[in-house]
Amino acid sequence: MPLQKIGQLVDTLGVEADLDEGDLPTDAFVILKVIKADGTVTLASARSDGLDWITRLGMLTAAQAIENSGYTEASTDND
């Protein structure tokens, strides 16, 4: 299968991120559920240029922990 840019696909699927003004996303790792023409279901992945394997593994591990625990960022206020 030829490589395809997936930005528009991700937009079409309605994917959004909660980013604050001034946040600077640096890398992306995307996991896609794909239904093939013959009906089989598979997973595919894509990543941003320059994303090394150890960072990708760390992002995936952190995402799994967040999804499994319902992690929310602690308040950074020092009140």
C-alpha atoms as a PDB file:
ATOM      1  CA  MET A   1       0.000   0.000   0.000  1.00  0.00           C
ATOM      2  CA  PRO A   2       1.442   3.431  -0.889  1.00  0.00           C
ATOM      3  CA  LEU A   3       2.065   5.916   1.894  1.00  0.00           C
ATOM      4  CA  GLN A   4      -0.591   8.618   2.215  1.00  0.00           C
ATOM      5  CA  LYS A   5      -0.724  11.915   4.078  1.00  0.00           C
ATOM      6  CA  ILE A   6      -3.397  11.499   6.776  1.00  0.00           C
ATOM      7  CA  GLY A   7      -3.974  15.028   8.081  1.00  0.00           C
ATOM      8  CA  GLN A   8      -7.220  15.440   6.164  1.00  0.00           C
ATOM      9  CA  LEU A   9      -8.312  11.926   7.162  1.00  0.00           C
ATOM     10  CA  VAL A  10      -7.764  12.722  10.837  1.00  0.00           C
ATOM     11  CA  ASP A  11      -9.734  15.951  10.376  1.00  0.00           C
ATOM     12  CA  THR A  12     -12.568  14.048   8.657  1.00  0.00           C
ATOM     13  CA  LEU A  13     -12.733  11.634  11.602  1.00  0.00           C
ATOM     14  CA  GLY A  14     -13.278  14.627  13.912  1.00  0.00           C
ATOM     15  CA  VAL A  15     -10.075  14.230  15.920  1.00  0.00           C
ATOM     16  CA  GLU A  16      -9.384  17.231  18.166  1.00  0.00           C
ATOM     17  CA  ALA A  17      -6.761  18.022  20.793  1.00  0.00           C
ATOM     18  CA  ASP A  18      -7.129  20.214  23.877  1.00  0.00           C
ATOM     19  CA  LEU A  19      -4.328  22.731  23.358  1.00  0.00           C
ATOM     20  CA  ASP A  20      -3.856  26.078  25.049  1.00  0.00           C
ATOM     21  CA  GLU A  21      -2.719  29.213  23.232  1.00  0.00           C
ATOM     22  CA  GLY A  22       1.060  29.094  22.972  1.00  0.00           C
ATOM     23  CA  ASP A  23       1.263  25.275  23.163  1.00  0.00           C
ATOM     24  CA  LEU A  24       3.678  23.869  20.589  1.00  0.00           C
ATOM     25  CA  PRO A  25       2.957  20.302  19.453  1.00  0.00           C
ATOM     26  CA  THR A  26       6.234  18.703  18.375  1.00  0.00           C
ATOM     27  CA  ASP A  27       5.435  15.092  17.485  1.00  0.00           C
ATOM     28  CA  ALA A  28       2.481  12.884  16.640  1.00  0.00           C
ATOM     29  CA  PHE A  29       1.868   9.149  16.720  1.00  0.00           C
ATOM     30  CA  VAL A  30      -1.457   8.053  15.245  1.00  0.00           C
ATOM     31  CA  ILE A  31      -3.086   4.620  15.532  1.00  0.00           C
ATOM     32  CA  LEU A  32      -5.771   3.864  12.965  1.00  0.00           C
ATOM     33  CA  LYS A  33      -8.391   1.117  12.896  1.00  0.00           C
ATOM     34  CA  VAL A  34      -8.749   0.129   9.239  1.00  0.00           C
ATOM     35  CA  ILE A  35     -11.432  -1.997   7.622  1.00  0.00           C
ATOM     36  CA  LYS A  36      -9.927  -3.495   4.480  1.00  0.00           C
ATOM     37  CA  ALA A  37     -11.849  -3.922   1.219  1.00  0.00           C
ATOM     38  CA  ASP A  38     -12.309  -7.642   2.010  1.00  0.00           C
ATOM     39  CA  GLY A  39     -13.852  -6.820   5.422  1.00  0.00           C
ATOM     40  CA  THR A  40     -10.876  -7.710   7.601  1.00  0.00           C
ATOM     41  CA  VAL A  41     -10.047  -5.298  10.398  1.00  0.00           C
ATOM     42  CA  THR A  42      -6.481  -4.260  11.083  1.00  0.00           C
ATOM     43  CA  LEU A  43      -4.458  -1.548  12.798  1.00  0.00           C
ATOM     44  CA  ALA A  44      -2.141   0.874  11.076  1.00  0.00           C
ATOM     45  CA  SER A  45       0.085   3.558  12.544  1.00  0.00           C
ATOM     46  CA  ALA A  46       1.670   6.761  11.360  1.00  0.00           C
ATOM     47  CA  ARG A  47       4.139   9.129  12.933  1.00  0.00           C
ATOM     48  CA  SER A  48       5.608  12.546  12.369  1.00  0.00           C
ATOM     49  CA  ASP A  49       8.989  12.894  10.707  1.00  0.00           C
ATOM     50  CA  GLY A  50      11.848  12.633  13.144  1.00  0.00           C
ATOM     51  CA  LEU A  51       9.891  10.784  15.836  1.00  0.00           C
ATOM     52  CA  ASP A  52      12.382   8.229  17.139  1.00  0.00           C
ATOM     53  CA  TRP A  53      11.351   4.793  18.385  1.00  0.00           C
ATOM     54  CA  ILE A  54      12.070   5.449  22.051  1.00  0.00           C
ATOM     55  CA  THR A  55       9.932   8.615  22.129  1.00  0.00           C
ATOM     56  CA  ARG A  56       7.197   6.780  20.189  1.00  0.00           C
ATOM     57  CA  LEU A  57       7.276   3.947  22.742  1.00  0.00           C
ATOM     58  CA  GLY A  58       7.150   6.457  25.595  1.00  0.00           C
ATOM     59  CA  MET A  59       4.183   8.281  24.048  1.00  0.00           C
ATOM     60  CA  LEU A  60       2.350   5.004  23.493  1.00  0.00           C
ATOM     61  CA  THR A  61       3.054   3.794  27.041  1.00  0.00           C
ATOM     62  CA  ALA A  62       1.930   7.118  28.543  1.00  0.00           C
ATOM     63  CA  ALA A  63      -1.220   7.152  26.394  1.00  0.00           C
ATOM     64  CA  GLN A  64      -2.077   3.630  27.515  1.00  0.00           C
ATOM     65  CA  ALA A  65      -1.649   4.603  31.167  1.00  0.00           C
ATOM     66  CA  ILE A  66      -3.822   7.688  30.671  1.00  0.00           C
ATOM     67  CA  GLU A  67      -6.552   5.732  28.867  1.00  0.00           C
ATOM     68  CA  ASN A  68      -6.533   2.984  31.510  1.00  0.00           C
ATOM     69  CA  SER A  69      -6.602   5.256  34.557  1.00  0.00           C
ATOM     70  CA  GLY A  70      -8.567   8.313  33.514  1.00  0.00           C
ATOM     71  CA  TYR A  71      -5.518  10.430  34.386  1.00  0.00           C
ATOM     72  CA  THR A  72      -6.095  14.155  34.650  1.00  0.00           C
ATOM     73  CA  GLU A  73      -3.331  16.718  35.000  1.00  0.00           C
ATOM     74  CA  ALA A  74      -2.943  18.006  38.539  1.00  0.00           C
ATOM     75  CA  SER A  75      -3.517  21.699  39.092  1.00  0.00           C
ATOM     76  CA  THR A  76      -0.376  23.776  38.719  1.00  0.00           C
ATOM     77  CA  ASP A  77      -1.706  26.547  40.952  1.00  0.00           C
ATOM     78  CA  ASN A  78       0.319  27.107  44.115  1.00  0.00           C
ATOM     79  CA  ASP A  79      -2.579  28.518  46.155  1.00  0.00           C
END
